[in-house]
Amino acid sequence: MSLDFHGGDFGGLRRAARIGVELPVRCKHGLTRSTVMLKDLTPFGARIEGIGLQREGESVTLMLPGLDRAMTAFVVWSEPATSGLEFDIPLDEGNFARLIADYAIGQMERVEKEKAPVRRFAA
């Protein structure tokens, strides 16, 4: 059973927060090779745009930058130009952190705010 759902409220069943990215990646689906836009990423899967409607369960291969192997994923949901994917083998922590550090949209500002010390003033 997949726990990475598209849209709607699923009672917090998502395994990890989606991190927004804007990253063109090479993709292979069936006999077709193309470039798609990676729109969000978790260690367990991704959302891509620029690929036609896919069948649930169909295999897709993504070539993510800096990885020594291609990532095999399976279509969990699909709309005419967007698909949600679940990786066959989750991204390891180091590769996921590197991809987020290099390609996440607006994540550095949020991370820096979380690291900033809280100043308290005496009343």
PDB file of N, CA and C in Angstrom:
ATOM      1  N   MET A   1       0.837  -1.180   0.000  1.00  0.00           N
ATOM      2  CA  MET A   1       0.000   0.000   0.000  1.00  0.00           C
ATOM      3  C   MET A   1       0.877   1.236   0.000  1.00  0.00           C
ATOM      4  N   SER A   2       0.626   2.140  -0.890  1.00  0.00           N
ATOM      5  CA  SER A   2       1.381   3.386  -0.951  1.00  0.00           C
ATOM      6  C   SER A   2       0.808   4.400   0.019  1.00  0.00           C
ATOM      7  N   LEU A   3       1.688   5.144   0.676  1.00  0.00           N
ATOM      8  CA  LEU A   3       1.244   6.159   1.609  1.00  0.00           C
ATOM      9  C   LEU A   3       1.502   7.565   1.107  1.00  0.00           C
ATOM     10  N   ASP A   4       1.933   7.729  -0.108  1.00  0.00           N
ATOM     11  CA  ASP A   4       2.192   9.061  -0.648  1.00  0.00           C
ATOM     12  C   ASP A   4       1.044   9.412  -1.581  1.00  0.00           C
ATOM     13  N   PHE A   5       0.120  10.248  -1.109  1.00  0.00           N
ATOM     14  CA  PHE A   5      -1.098  10.526  -1.840  1.00  0.00           C
ATOM     15  C   PHE A   5      -1.057  11.870  -2.522  1.00  0.00           C
ATOM     16  N   HIS A   6      -1.852  12.011  -3.550  1.00  0.00           N
ATOM     17  CA  HIS A   6      -1.984  13.263  -4.295  1.00  0.00           C
ATOM     18  C   HIS A   6      -3.254  13.966  -3.837  1.00  0.00           C
ATOM     19  N   GLY A   7      -3.107  15.219  -3.437  1.00  0.00           N
ATOM     20  CA  GLY A   7      -4.273  16.038  -3.091  1.00  0.00           C
ATOM     21  C   GLY A   7      -5.068  15.469  -1.942  1.00  0.00           C
ATOM     22  N   GLY A   8      -6.053  16.220  -1.482  1.00  0.00           N
ATOM     23  CA  GLY A   8      -6.957  15.750  -0.449  1.00  0.00           C
ATOM     24  C   GLY A   8      -6.305  15.617   0.907  1.00  0.00           C
ATOM     25  N   ASP A   9      -7.138  15.327   1.901  1.00  0.00           N
ATOM     26  CA  ASP A   9      -6.674  15.148   3.269  1.00  0.00           C
ATOM     27  C   ASP A   9      -6.699  13.663   3.574  1.00  0.00           C
ATOM     28  N   PHE A  10      -5.548  13.091   3.862  1.00  0.00           N
ATOM     29  CA  PHE A  10      -5.458  11.664   4.107  1.00  0.00           C
ATOM     30  C   PHE A  10      -5.062  11.379   5.547  1.00  0.00           C
ATOM     31  N   GLY A  11      -5.444  12.281   6.453  1.00  0.00           N
ATOM     32  CA  GLY A  11      -5.237  12.028   7.871  1.00  0.00           C
ATOM     33  C   GLY A  11      -3.784  11.907   8.271  1.00  0.00           C
ATOM     34  N   GLY A  12      -2.884  12.599   7.584  1.00  0.00           N
ATOM     35  CA  GLY A  12      -1.476  12.574   7.964  1.00  0.00           C
ATOM     36  C   GLY A  12      -0.764  11.281   7.613  1.00  0.00           C
ATOM     37  N   LEU A  13      -1.258  10.544   6.641  1.00  0.00           N
ATOM     38  CA  LEU A  13      -0.629   9.274   6.275  1.00  0.00           C
ATOM     39  C   LEU A  13       0.637   9.428   5.447  1.00  0.00           C
ATOM     40  N   ARG A  14       0.925  10.640   4.987  1.00  0.00           N
ATOM     41  CA  ARG A  14       2.124  10.863   4.181  1.00  0.00           C
ATOM     42  C   ARG A  14       3.359  10.532   5.021  1.00  0.00           C
ATOM     43  N   ARG A  15       4.282   9.790   4.465  1.00  0.00           N
ATOM     44  CA  ARG A  15       5.473   9.363   5.209  1.00  0.00           C
ATOM     45  C   ARG A  15       6.482  10.470   5.425  1.00  0.00           C
ATOM     46  N   ALA A  16       6.499  11.458   4.538  1.00  0.00           N
ATOM     47  CA  ALA A  16       7.467  12.550   4.646  1.00  0.00           C
ATOM     48  C   ALA A  16       6.887  13.788   3.981  1.00  0.00           C
ATOM     49  N   ALA A  17       7.294  14.944   4.469  1.00  0.00           N
ATOM     50  CA  ALA A  17       6.850  16.202   3.869  1.00  0.00           C
ATOM     51  C   ALA A  17       7.434  16.329   2.473  1.00  0.00           C
ATOM     52  N   ARG A  18       6.616  16.839   1.555  1.00  0.00           N
ATOM     53  CA  ARG A  18       7.106  17.103   0.203  1.00  0.00           C
ATOM     54  C   ARG A  18       7.912  18.389   0.224  1.00  0.00           C
ATOM     55  N   ILE A  19       9.057  18.367  -0.431  1.00  0.00           N
ATOM     56  CA  ILE A  19       9.902  19.545  -0.559  1.00  0.00           C
ATOM     57  C   ILE A  19       9.832  20.004  -2.017  1.00  0.00           C
ATOM     58  N   GLY A  20       9.447  21.258  -2.230  1.00  0.00           N
ATOM     59  CA  GLY A  20       9.323  21.785  -3.583  1.00  0.00           C
ATOM     60  C   GLY A  20      10.681  21.978  -4.241  1.00  0.00           C
ATOM     61  N   VAL A  21      10.796  21.542  -5.474  1.00  0.00           N
ATOM     62  CA  VAL A  21      12.016  21.718  -6.272  1.00  0.00           C
ATOM     63  C   VAL A  21      11.610  22.124  -7.686  1.00  0.00           C
ATOM     64  N   GLU A  22      12.529  22.665  -8.429  1.00  0.00           N
ATOM     65  CA  GLU A  22      12.375  22.972  -9.862  1.00  0.00           C
ATOM     66  C   GLU A  22      13.617  22.432 -10.524  1.00  0.00           C
ATOM     67  N   LEU A  23      13.554  21.204 -10.994  1.00  0.00           N
ATOM     68  CA  LEU A  23      14.749  20.560 -11.507  1.00  0.00           C
ATOM     69  C   LEU A  23      14.429  19.724 -12.748  1.00  0.00           C
ATOM     70  N   PRO A  24      14.990  20.087 -13.908  1.00  0.00           N
ATOM     71  CA  PRO A  24      14.803  19.226 -15.076  1.00  0.00           C
ATOM     72  C   PRO A  24      15.643  17.949 -14.920  1.00  0.00           C
ATOM     73  N   VAL A  25      15.015  16.808 -15.138  1.00  0.00           N
ATOM     74  CA  VAL A  25      15.721  15.526 -15.031  1.00  0.00           C
ATOM     75  C   VAL A  25      15.376  14.654 -16.232  1.00  0.00           C
ATOM     76  N   ARG A  26      16.300  13.789 -16.595  1.00  0.00           N
ATOM     77  CA  ARG A  26      16.054  12.817 -17.662  1.00  0.00           C
ATOM     78  C   ARG A  26      15.166  11.711 -17.115  1.00  0.00           C
ATOM     79  N   CYS A  27      14.270  11.240 -17.967  1.00  0.00           N
ATOM     80  CA  CYS A  27      13.274  10.250 -17.558  1.00  0.00           C
ATOM     81  C   CYS A  27      13.129   9.212 -18.664  1.00  0.00           C
ATOM     82  N   LYS A  28      12.928   7.970 -18.253  1.00  0.00           N
ATOM     83  CA  LYS A  28      12.635   6.902 -19.212  1.00  0.00           C
ATOM     84  C   LYS A  28      11.349   6.226 -18.752  1.00  0.00           C
ATOM     85  N   HIS A  29      10.392   6.173 -19.638  1.00  0.00           N
ATOM     86  CA  HIS A  29       9.141   5.463 -19.358  1.00  0.00           C
ATOM     87  C   HIS A  29       8.786   4.656 -20.596  1.00  0.00           C
ATOM     88  N   GLY A  30       8.715   3.361 -20.416  1.00  0.00           N
ATOM     89  CA  GLY A  30       8.554   2.484 -21.574  1.00  0.00           C
ATOM     90  C   GLY A  30       9.772   2.594 -22.465  1.00  0.00           C
ATOM     91  N   LEU A  31       9.555   2.818 -23.742  1.00  0.00           N
ATOM     92  CA  LEU A  31      10.663   2.993 -24.689  1.00  0.00           C
ATOM     93  C   LEU A  31      10.996   4.466 -24.910  1.00  0.00           C
ATOM     94  N   THR A  32      10.284   5.350 -24.224  1.00  0.00           N
ATOM     95  CA  THR A  32      10.436   6.788 -24.426  1.00  0.00           C
ATOM     96  C   THR A  32      11.398   7.393 -23.421  1.00  0.00           C
ATOM     97  N   ARG A  33      12.308   8.210 -23.924  1.00  0.00           N
ATOM     98  CA  ARG A  33      13.203   8.996 -23.064  1.00  0.00           C
ATOM     99  C   ARG A  33      12.841  10.453 -23.266  1.00  0.00           C
ATOM    100  N   SER A  34      12.795  11.200 -22.152  1.00  0.00           N
ATOM    101  CA  SER A  34      12.447  12.613 -22.245  1.00  0.00           C
ATOM    102  C   SER A  34      13.033  13.348 -21.049  1.00  0.00           C
ATOM    103  N   THR A  35      12.876  14.661 -21.064  1.00  0.00           N
ATOM    104  CA  THR A  35      13.235  15.474 -19.911  1.00  0.00           C
ATOM    105  C   THR A  35      11.935  15.921 -19.266  1.00  0.00           C
ATOM    106  N   VAL A  36      11.832  15.735 -17.965  1.00  0.00           N
ATOM    107  CA  VAL A  36      10.659  16.149 -17.209  1.00  0.00           C
ATOM    108  C   VAL A  36      11.104  17.124 -16.129  1.00  0.00           C
ATOM    109  N   MET A  37      10.144  17.807 -15.524  1.00  0.00           N
ATOM    110  CA  MET A  37      10.441  18.731 -14.439  1.00  0.00           C
ATOM    111  C   MET A  37      10.074  18.062 -13.115  1.00  0.00           C
ATOM    112  N   LEU A  38      11.082  17.909 -12.272  1.00  0.00           N
ATOM    113  CA  LEU A  38      10.856  17.391 -10.924  1.00  0.00           C
ATOM    114  C   LEU A  38      10.279  18.541 -10.109  1.00  0.00           C
ATOM    115  N   LYS A  39       9.079  18.368  -9.555  1.00  0.00           N
ATOM    116  CA  LYS A  39       8.379  19.454  -8.870  1.00  0.00           C
ATOM    117  C   LYS A  39       8.421  19.337  -7.353  1.00  0.00           C
ATOM    118  N   ASP A  40       8.417  18.142  -6.831  1.00  0.00           N
ATOM    119  CA  ASP A  40       8.645  17.969  -5.403  1.00  0.00           C
ATOM    120  C   ASP A  40       9.274  16.617  -5.145  1.00  0.00           C
ATOM    121  N   LEU A  41       9.866  16.500  -3.952  1.00  0.00           N
ATOM    122  CA  LEU A  41      10.696  15.341  -3.648  1.00  0.00           C
ATOM    123  C   LEU A  41      10.566  14.974  -2.185  1.00  0.00           C
ATOM    124  N   THR A  42      10.514  13.690  -1.905  1.00  0.00           N
ATOM    125  CA  THR A  42      10.661  13.140  -0.563  1.00  0.00           C
ATOM    126  C   THR A  42      11.669  12.001  -0.690  1.00  0.00           C
ATOM    127  N   PRO A  43      12.142  11.447   0.406  1.00  0.00           N
ATOM    128  CA  PRO A  43      13.021  10.283   0.272  1.00  0.00           C
ATOM    129  C   PRO A  43      12.316   9.096  -0.386  1.00  0.00           C
ATOM    130  N   PHE A  44      10.978   9.103  -0.364  1.00  0.00           N
ATOM    131  CA  PHE A  44      10.201   7.955  -0.834  1.00  0.00           C
ATOM    132  C   PHE A  44       9.631   8.112  -2.236  1.00  0.00           C
ATOM    133  N   GLY A  45       9.649   9.339  -2.780  1.00  0.00           N
ATOM    134  CA  GLY A  45       9.063   9.530  -4.092  1.00  0.00           C
ATOM    135  C   GLY A  45       9.172  10.957  -4.574  1.00  0.00           C
ATOM    136  N   ALA A  46       8.467  11.227  -5.676  1.00  0.00           N
ATOM    137  CA  ALA A  46       8.566  12.542  -6.312  1.00  0.00           C
ATOM    138  C   ALA A  46       7.306  12.804  -7.118  1.00  0.00           C
ATOM    139  N   ARG A  47       7.134  14.077  -7.458  1.00  0.00           N
ATOM    140  CA  ARG A  47       6.094  14.482  -8.402  1.00  0.00           C
ATOM    141  C   ARG A  47       6.811  15.088  -9.601  1.00  0.00           C
ATOM    142  N   ILE A  48       6.422  14.639 -10.797  1.00  0.00           N
ATOM    143  CA  ILE A  48       7.033  15.142 -12.022  1.00  0.00           C
ATOM    144  C   ILE A  48       5.965  15.745 -12.923  1.00  0.00           C
ATOM    145  N   GLU A  49       6.384  16.701 -13.748  1.00  0.00           N
ATOM    146  CA  GLU A  49       5.518  17.295 -14.764  1.00  0.00           C
ATOM    147  C   GLU A  49       6.197  17.175 -16.113  1.00  0.00           C
ATOM    148  N   GLY A  50       5.368  17.140 -17.160  1.00  0.00           N
ATOM    149  CA  GLY A  50       5.912  17.090 -18.513  1.00  0.00           C
ATOM    150  C   GLY A  50       5.897  15.708 -19.118  1.00  0.00           C
ATOM    151  N   ILE A  51       5.167  14.836 -18.508  1.00  0.00           N
ATOM    152  CA  ILE A  51       5.033  13.473 -19.003  1.00  0.00           C
ATOM    153  C   ILE A  51       3.538  13.245 -19.212  1.00  0.00           C
ATOM    154  N   GLY A  52       3.185  12.521 -20.228  1.00  0.00           N
ATOM    155  CA  GLY A  52       1.773  12.267 -20.488  1.00  0.00           C
ATOM    156  C   GLY A  52       1.131  11.420 -19.396  1.00  0.00           C
ATOM    157  N   LEU A  53      -0.152  11.218 -19.527  1.00  0.00           N
ATOM    158  CA  LEU A  53      -0.898  10.398 -18.577  1.00  0.00           C
ATOM    159  C   LEU A  53      -0.295   8.998 -18.519  1.00  0.00           C
ATOM    160  N   GLN A  54       0.045   8.556 -17.326  1.00  0.00           N
ATOM    161  CA  GLN A  54       0.663   7.242 -17.117  1.00  0.00           C
ATOM    162  C   GLN A  54      -0.324   6.315 -16.405  1.00  0.00           C
ATOM    163  N   ARG A  55      -0.101   5.035 -16.513  1.00  0.00           N
ATOM    164  CA  ARG A  55      -0.921   4.052 -15.806  1.00  0.00           C
ATOM    165  C   ARG A  55      -0.359   3.819 -14.409  1.00  0.00           C
ATOM    166  N   GLU A  56      -1.230   3.722 -13.419  1.00  0.00           N
ATOM    167  CA  GLU A  56      -0.774   3.408 -12.064  1.00  0.00           C
ATOM    168  C   GLU A  56      -0.018   2.091 -12.088  1.00  0.00           C
ATOM    169  N   GLY A  57       1.114   2.066 -11.394  1.00  0.00           N
ATOM    170  CA  GLY A  57       1.943   0.871 -11.336  1.00  0.00           C
ATOM    171  C   GLY A  57       3.007   0.808 -12.423  1.00  0.00           C
ATOM    172  N   GLU A  58       2.905   1.688 -13.425  1.00  0.00           N
ATOM    173  CA  GLU A  58       3.894   1.703 -14.502  1.00  0.00           C
ATOM    174  C   GLU A  58       5.262   2.128 -13.967  1.00  0.00           C
ATOM    175  N   SER A  59       6.312   1.539 -14.484  1.00  0.00           N
ATOM    176  CA  SER A  59       7.685   1.844 -14.074  1.00  0.00           C
ATOM    177  C   SER A  59       8.197   3.076 -14.809  1.00  0.00           C
ATOM    178  N   VAL A  60       8.896   3.939 -14.068  1.00  0.00           N
ATOM    179  CA  VAL A  60       9.531   5.135 -14.611  1.00  0.00           C
ATOM    180  C   VAL A  60      10.942   5.177 -14.037  1.00  0.00           C
ATOM    181  N   THR A  61      11.921   5.551 -14.840  1.00  0.00           N
ATOM    182  CA  THR A  61      13.295   5.682 -14.370  1.00  0.00           C
ATOM    183  C   THR A  61      13.703   7.148 -14.444  1.00  0.00           C
ATOM    184  N   LEU A  62      14.227   7.675 -13.322  1.00  0.00           N
ATOM    185  CA  LEU A  62      14.694   9.058 -13.258  1.00  0.00           C
ATOM    186  C   LEU A  62      16.201   9.082 -13.069  1.00  0.00           C
ATOM    187  N   MET A  63      16.854   9.982 -13.791  1.00  0.00           N
ATOM    188  CA  MET A  63      18.280  10.182 -13.618  1.00  0.00           C
ATOM    189  C   MET A  63      18.468  11.468 -12.805  1.00  0.00           C
ATOM    190  N   LEU A  64      18.610  11.321 -11.486  1.00  0.00           N
ATOM    191  CA  LEU A  64      18.771  12.480 -10.608  1.00  0.00           C
ATOM    192  C   LEU A  64      20.241  12.867 -10.536  1.00  0.00           C
ATOM    193  N   PRO A  65      20.536  14.166 -10.511  1.00  0.00           N
ATOM    194  CA  PRO A  65      21.932  14.613 -10.540  1.00  0.00           C
ATOM    195  C   PRO A  65      22.717  14.160  -9.311  1.00  0.00           C
ATOM    196  N   GLY A  66      23.936  13.706  -9.556  1.00  0.00           N
ATOM    197  CA  GLY A  66      24.841  13.342  -8.477  1.00  0.00           C
ATOM    198  C   GLY A  66      24.679  11.935  -7.938  1.00  0.00           C
ATOM    199  N   LEU A  67      23.675  11.196  -8.397  1.00  0.00           N
ATOM    200  CA  LEU A  67      23.502   9.821  -7.941  1.00  0.00           C
ATOM    201  C   LEU A  67      24.293   8.889  -8.839  1.00  0.00           C
ATOM    202  N   ASP A  68      24.826   7.824  -8.269  1.00  0.00           N
ATOM    203  CA  ASP A  68      25.621   6.888  -9.058  1.00  0.00           C
ATOM    204  C   ASP A  68      24.762   5.845  -9.764  1.00  0.00           C
ATOM    205  N   ARG A  69      23.445   5.933  -9.588  1.00  0.00           N
ATOM    206  CA  ARG A  69      22.539   5.006 -10.265  1.00  0.00           C
ATOM    207  C   ARG A  69      21.237   5.726 -10.575  1.00  0.00           C
ATOM    208  N   ALA A  70      20.526   5.207 -11.551  1.00  0.00           N
ATOM    209  CA  ALA A  70      19.209   5.745 -11.879  1.00  0.00           C
ATOM    210  C   ALA A  70      18.215   5.301 -10.807  1.00  0.00           C
ATOM    211  N   MET A  71      17.189   6.113 -10.602  1.00  0.00           N
ATOM    212  CA  MET A  71      16.153   5.793  -9.616  1.00  0.00           C
ATOM    213  C   MET A  71      14.952   5.190 -10.333  1.00  0.00           C
ATOM    214  N   THR A  72      14.591   3.988  -9.958  1.00  0.00           N
ATOM    215  CA  THR A  72      13.388   3.367 -10.489  1.00  0.00           C
ATOM    216  C   THR A  72      12.232   3.752  -9.580  1.00  0.00           C
ATOM    217  N   ALA A  73      11.123   4.136 -10.189  1.00  0.00           N
ATOM    218  CA  ALA A  73       9.940   4.525  -9.435  1.00  0.00           C
ATOM    219  C   ALA A  73       8.710   3.951 -10.128  1.00  0.00           C
ATOM    220  N   PHE A  74       7.605   3.934  -9.395  1.00  0.00           N
ATOM    221  CA  PHE A  74       6.345   3.447  -9.941  1.00  0.00           C
ATOM    222  C   PHE A  74       5.288   4.524  -9.804  1.00  0.00           C
ATOM    223  N   VAL A  75       4.448   4.644 -10.825  1.00  0.00           N
ATOM    224  CA  VAL A  75       3.394   5.650 -10.829  1.00  0.00           C
ATOM    225  C   VAL A  75       2.354   5.280  -9.781  1.00  0.00           C
ATOM    226  N   VAL A  76       2.091   6.227  -8.854  1.00  0.00           N
ATOM    227  CA  VAL A  76       1.092   6.042  -7.807  1.00  0.00           C
ATOM    228  C   VAL A  76      -0.216   6.711  -8.221  1.00  0.00           C
ATOM    229  N   TRP A  77      -0.119   7.853  -8.873  1.00  0.00           N
ATOM    230  CA  TRP A  77      -1.271   8.563  -9.437  1.00  0.00           C
ATOM    231  C   TRP A  77      -0.783   9.335 -10.659  1.00  0.00           C
ATOM    232  N   SER A  78      -1.715   9.660 -11.545  1.00  0.00           N
ATOM    233  CA  SER A  78      -1.332  10.383 -12.747  1.00  0.00           C
ATOM    234  C   SER A  78      -2.491  11.231 -13.241  1.00  0.00           C
ATOM    235  N   GLU A  79      -2.159  12.411 -13.722  1.00  0.00           N
ATOM    236  CA  GLU A  79      -3.078  13.315 -14.403  1.00  0.00           C
ATOM    237  C   GLU A  79      -2.465  13.569 -15.769  1.00  0.00           C
ATOM    238  N   PRO A  80      -3.145  14.293 -16.666  1.00  0.00           N
ATOM    239  CA  PRO A  80      -2.618  14.428 -18.029  1.00  0.00           C
ATOM    240  C   PRO A  80      -1.169  14.906 -18.162  1.00  0.00           C
ATOM    241  N   ALA A  81      -0.660  15.755 -17.285  1.00  0.00           N
ATOM    242  CA  ALA A  81       0.722  16.226 -17.448  1.00  0.00           C
ATOM    243  C   ALA A  81       1.560  16.064 -16.180  1.00  0.00           C
ATOM    244  N   THR A  82       1.008  15.454 -15.155  1.00  0.00           N
ATOM    245  CA  THR A  82       1.682  15.333 -13.858  1.00  0.00           C
ATOM    246  C   THR A  82       1.504  13.925 -13.323  1.00  0.00           C
ATOM    247  N   SER A  83       2.562  13.397 -12.697  1.00  0.00           N
ATOM    248  CA  SER A  83       2.469  12.073 -12.084  1.00  0.00           C
ATOM    249  C   SER A  83       3.154  12.059 -10.729  1.00  0.00           C
ATOM    250  N   GLY A  84       2.577  11.315  -9.806  1.00  0.00           N
ATOM    251  CA  GLY A  84       3.198  11.067  -8.517  1.00  0.00           C
ATOM    252  C   GLY A  84       3.883   9.719  -8.558  1.00  0.00           C
ATOM    253  N   LEU A  85       5.127   9.688  -8.095  1.00  0.00           N
ATOM    254  CA  LEU A  85       5.939   8.472  -8.170  1.00  0.00           C
ATOM    255  C   LEU A  85       6.373   8.012  -6.789  1.00  0.00           C
ATOM    256  N   GLU A  86       6.497   6.713  -6.623  1.00  0.00           N
ATOM    257  CA  GLU A  86       7.069   6.127  -5.417  1.00  0.00           C
ATOM    258  C   GLU A  86       8.325   5.373  -5.817  1.00  0.00           C
ATOM    259  N   PHE A  87       9.453   5.719  -5.181  1.00  0.00           N
ATOM    260  CA  PHE A  87      10.715   5.070  -5.517  1.00  0.00           C
ATOM    261  C   PHE A  87      10.710   3.608  -5.106  1.00  0.00           C
ATOM    262  N   ASP A  88      11.316   2.771  -5.945  1.00  0.00           N
ATOM    263  CA  ASP A  88      11.487   1.356  -5.637  1.00  0.00           C
ATOM    264  C   ASP A  88      12.335   1.203  -4.376  1.00  0.00           C
ATOM    265  N   ILE A  89      13.420   1.955  -4.304  1.00  0.00           N
ATOM    266  CA  ILE A  89      14.310   1.994  -3.135  1.00  0.00           C
ATOM    267  C   ILE A  89      14.399   3.458  -2.720  1.00  0.00           C
ATOM    268  N   PRO A  90      14.024   3.804  -1.483  1.00  0.00           N
ATOM    269  CA  PRO A  90      14.064   5.213  -1.070  1.00  0.00           C
ATOM    270  C   PRO A  90      15.460   5.820  -1.202  1.00  0.00           C
ATOM    271  N   LEU A  91      15.477   7.137  -1.411  1.00  0.00           N
ATOM    272  CA  LEU A  91      16.746   7.863  -1.426  1.00  0.00           C
ATOM    273  C   LEU A  91      17.382   7.778  -0.048  1.00  0.00           C
ATOM    274  N   ASP A  92      18.697   7.540   0.007  1.00  0.00           N
ATOM    275  CA  ASP A  92      19.351   7.532   1.314  1.00  0.00           C
ATOM    276  C   ASP A  92      19.428   8.964   1.838  1.00  0.00           C
ATOM    277  N   GLU A  93      19.604   9.107   3.128  1.00  0.00           N
ATOM    278  CA  GLU A  93      19.564  10.403   3.794  1.00  0.00           C
ATOM    279  C   GLU A  93      20.560  11.407   3.211  1.00  0.00           C
ATOM    280  N   GLY A  94      21.772  10.964   2.917  1.00  0.00           N
ATOM    281  CA  GLY A  94      22.798  11.861   2.385  1.00  0.00           C
ATOM    282  C   GLY A  94      22.447  12.408   1.013  1.00  0.00           C
ATOM    283  N   ASN A  95      21.999  11.538   0.104  1.00  0.00           N
ATOM    284  CA  ASN A  95      21.632  11.995  -1.239  1.00  0.00           C
ATOM    285  C   ASN A  95      20.406  12.893  -1.200  1.00  0.00           C
ATOM    286  N   PHE A  96      19.420  12.547  -0.367  1.00  0.00           N
ATOM    287  CA  PHE A  96      18.230  13.386  -0.244  1.00  0.00           C
ATOM    288  C   PHE A  96      18.615  14.776   0.273  1.00  0.00           C
ATOM    289  N   ALA A  97      19.420  14.832   1.319  1.00  0.00           N
ATOM    290  CA  ALA A  97      19.839  16.117   1.891  1.00  0.00           C
ATOM    291  C   ALA A  97      20.603  16.949   0.871  1.00  0.00           C
ATOM    292  N   ARG A  98      21.465  16.317   0.078  1.00  0.00           N
ATOM    293  CA  ARG A  98      22.229  17.035  -0.930  1.00  0.00           C
ATOM    294  C   ARG A  98      21.323  17.592  -2.022  1.00  0.00           C
ATOM    295  N   LEU A  99      20.379  16.782  -2.487  1.00  0.00           N
ATOM    296  CA  LEU A  99      19.449  17.252  -3.512  1.00  0.00           C
ATOM    297  C   LEU A  99      18.623  18.430  -3.006  1.00  0.00           C
ATOM    298  N   ILE A 100      18.158  18.357  -1.772  1.00  0.00           N
ATOM    299  CA  ILE A 100      17.367  19.451  -1.195  1.00  0.00           C
ATOM    300  C   ILE A 100      18.238  20.693  -1.032  1.00  0.00           C
ATOM    301  N   ALA A 101      19.440  20.525  -0.537  1.00  0.00           N
ATOM    302  CA  ALA A 101      20.332  21.678  -0.358  1.00  0.00           C
ATOM    303  C   ALA A 101      20.631  22.356  -1.692  1.00  0.00           C
ATOM    304  N   ASP A 102      20.771  21.569  -2.747  1.00  0.00           N
ATOM    305  CA  ASP A 102      21.146  22.123  -4.052  1.00  0.00           C
ATOM    306  C   ASP A 102      19.966  22.634  -4.876  1.00  0.00           C
ATOM    307  N   TYR A 103      18.769  22.048  -4.717  1.00  0.00           N
ATOM    308  CA  TYR A 103      17.693  22.332  -5.661  1.00  0.00           C
ATOM    309  C   TYR A 103      16.349  22.737  -5.049  1.00  0.00           C
ATOM    310  N   ALA A 104      16.198  22.721  -3.740  1.00  0.00           N
ATOM    311  CA  ALA A 104      14.903  23.045  -3.141  1.00  0.00           C
ATOM    312  C   ALA A 104      14.557  24.513  -3.326  1.00  0.00           C
ATOM    313  N   ILE A 105      13.280  24.776  -3.472  1.00  0.00           N
ATOM    314  CA  ILE A 105      12.781  26.136  -3.641  1.00  0.00           C
ATOM    315  C   ILE A 105      12.517  26.736  -2.262  1.00  0.00           C
ATOM    316  N   GLY A 106      13.244  27.805  -1.928  1.00  0.00           N
ATOM    317  CA  GLY A 106      12.977  28.533  -0.697  1.00  0.00           C
ATOM    318  C   GLY A 106      13.260  27.789   0.588  1.00  0.00           C
ATOM    319  N   GLN A 107      13.972  26.695   0.535  1.00  0.00           N
ATOM    320  CA  GLN A 107      14.210  25.916   1.744  1.00  0.00           C
ATOM    321  C   GLN A 107      15.307  26.511   2.611  1.00  0.00           C
ATOM    322  N   MET A 108      16.289  27.152   2.009  1.00  0.00           N
ATOM    323  CA  MET A 108      17.391  27.696   2.804  1.00  0.00           C
ATOM    324  C   MET A 108      16.899  28.750   3.777  1.00  0.00           C
ATOM    325  N   GLU A 109      15.948  29.609   3.342  1.00  0.00           N
ATOM    326  CA  GLU A 109      15.420  30.633   4.233  1.00  0.00           C
ATOM    327  C   GLU A 109      14.737  29.993   5.440  1.00  0.00           C
ATOM    328  N   ARG A 110      13.932  28.955   5.188  1.00  0.00           N
ATOM    329  CA  ARG A 110      13.223  28.278   6.268  1.00  0.00           C
ATOM    330  C   ARG A 110      14.203  27.603   7.214  1.00  0.00           C
ATOM    331  N   VAL A 111      15.212  26.934   6.678  1.00  0.00           N
ATOM    332  CA  VAL A 111      16.197  26.241   7.502  1.00  0.00           C
ATOM    333  C   VAL A 111      16.963  27.245   8.355  1.00  0.00           C
ATOM    334  N   GLU A 112      17.361  28.359   7.761  1.00  0.00           N
ATOM    335  CA  GLU A 112      18.094  29.375   8.518  1.00  0.00           C
ATOM    336  C   GLU A 112      17.244  29.945   9.642  1.00  0.00           C
ATOM    337  N   LYS A 113      15.953  30.174   9.397  1.00  0.00           N
ATOM    338  CA  LYS A 113      15.062  30.684  10.444  1.00  0.00           C
ATOM    339  C   LYS A 113      14.942  29.684  11.584  1.00  0.00           C
ATOM    340  N   GLU A 114      14.880  28.406  11.247  1.00  0.00           N
ATOM    341  CA  GLU A 114      14.768  27.378  12.277  1.00  0.00           C
ATOM    342  C   GLU A 114      16.039  27.294  13.114  1.00  0.00           C
ATOM    343  N   LYS A 115      17.195  27.599  12.512  1.00  0.00           N
ATOM    344  CA  LYS A 115      18.464  27.534  13.225  1.00  0.00           C
ATOM    345  C   LYS A 115      18.736  28.796  14.038  1.00  0.00           C
ATOM    346  N   ALA A 116      18.078  29.907  13.698  1.00  0.00           N
ATOM    347  CA  ALA A 116      18.345  31.185  14.354  1.00  0.00           C
ATOM    348  C   ALA A 116      18.005  31.091  15.837  1.00  0.00           C
ATOM    349  N   PRO A 117      18.899  31.596  16.700  1.00  0.00           N
ATOM    350  CA  PRO A 117      18.621  31.544  18.139  1.00  0.00           C
ATOM    351  C   PRO A 117      17.435  32.443  18.494  1.00  0.00           C
ATOM    352  N   VAL A 118      16.691  32.013  19.463  1.00  0.00           N
ATOM    353  CA  VAL A 118      15.563  32.787  19.947  1.00  0.00           C
ATOM    354  C   VAL A 118      16.070  33.742  21.007  1.00  0.00           C
ATOM    355  N   ARG A 119      15.811  35.032  20.824  1.00  0.00           N
ATOM    356  CA  ARG A 119      16.229  36.030  21.812  1.00  0.00           C
ATOM    357  C   ARG A 119      15.067  36.337  22.729  1.00  0.00           C
ATOM    358  N   ARG A 120      15.314  36.276  23.989  1.00  0.00           N
ATOM    359  CA  ARG A 120      14.282  36.598  24.968  1.00  0.00           C
ATOM    360  C   ARG A 120      14.746  37.826  25.752  1.00  0.00           C
ATOM    361  N   PHE A 121      13.835  38.726  25.908  1.00  0.00           N
ATOM    362  CA  PHE A 121      14.135  39.964  26.624  1.00  0.00           C
ATOM    363  C   PHE A 121      13.457  39.914  27.985  1.00  0.00           C
ATOM    364  N   ALA A 122      14.165  40.370  28.995  1.00  0.00           N
ATOM    365  CA  ALA A 122      13.606  40.417  30.349  1.00  0.00           C
ATOM    366  C   ALA A 122      12.483  41.431  30.379  1.00  0.00           C
ATOM    367  N   ALA A 123      11.437  41.135  31.106  1.00  0.00           N
ATOM    368  CA  ALA A 123      10.296  42.051  31.196  1.00  0.00           C
ATOM    369  C   ALA A 123      10.469  43.060  32.308  1.00  0.00           C
TER     370      ALA A 123
END
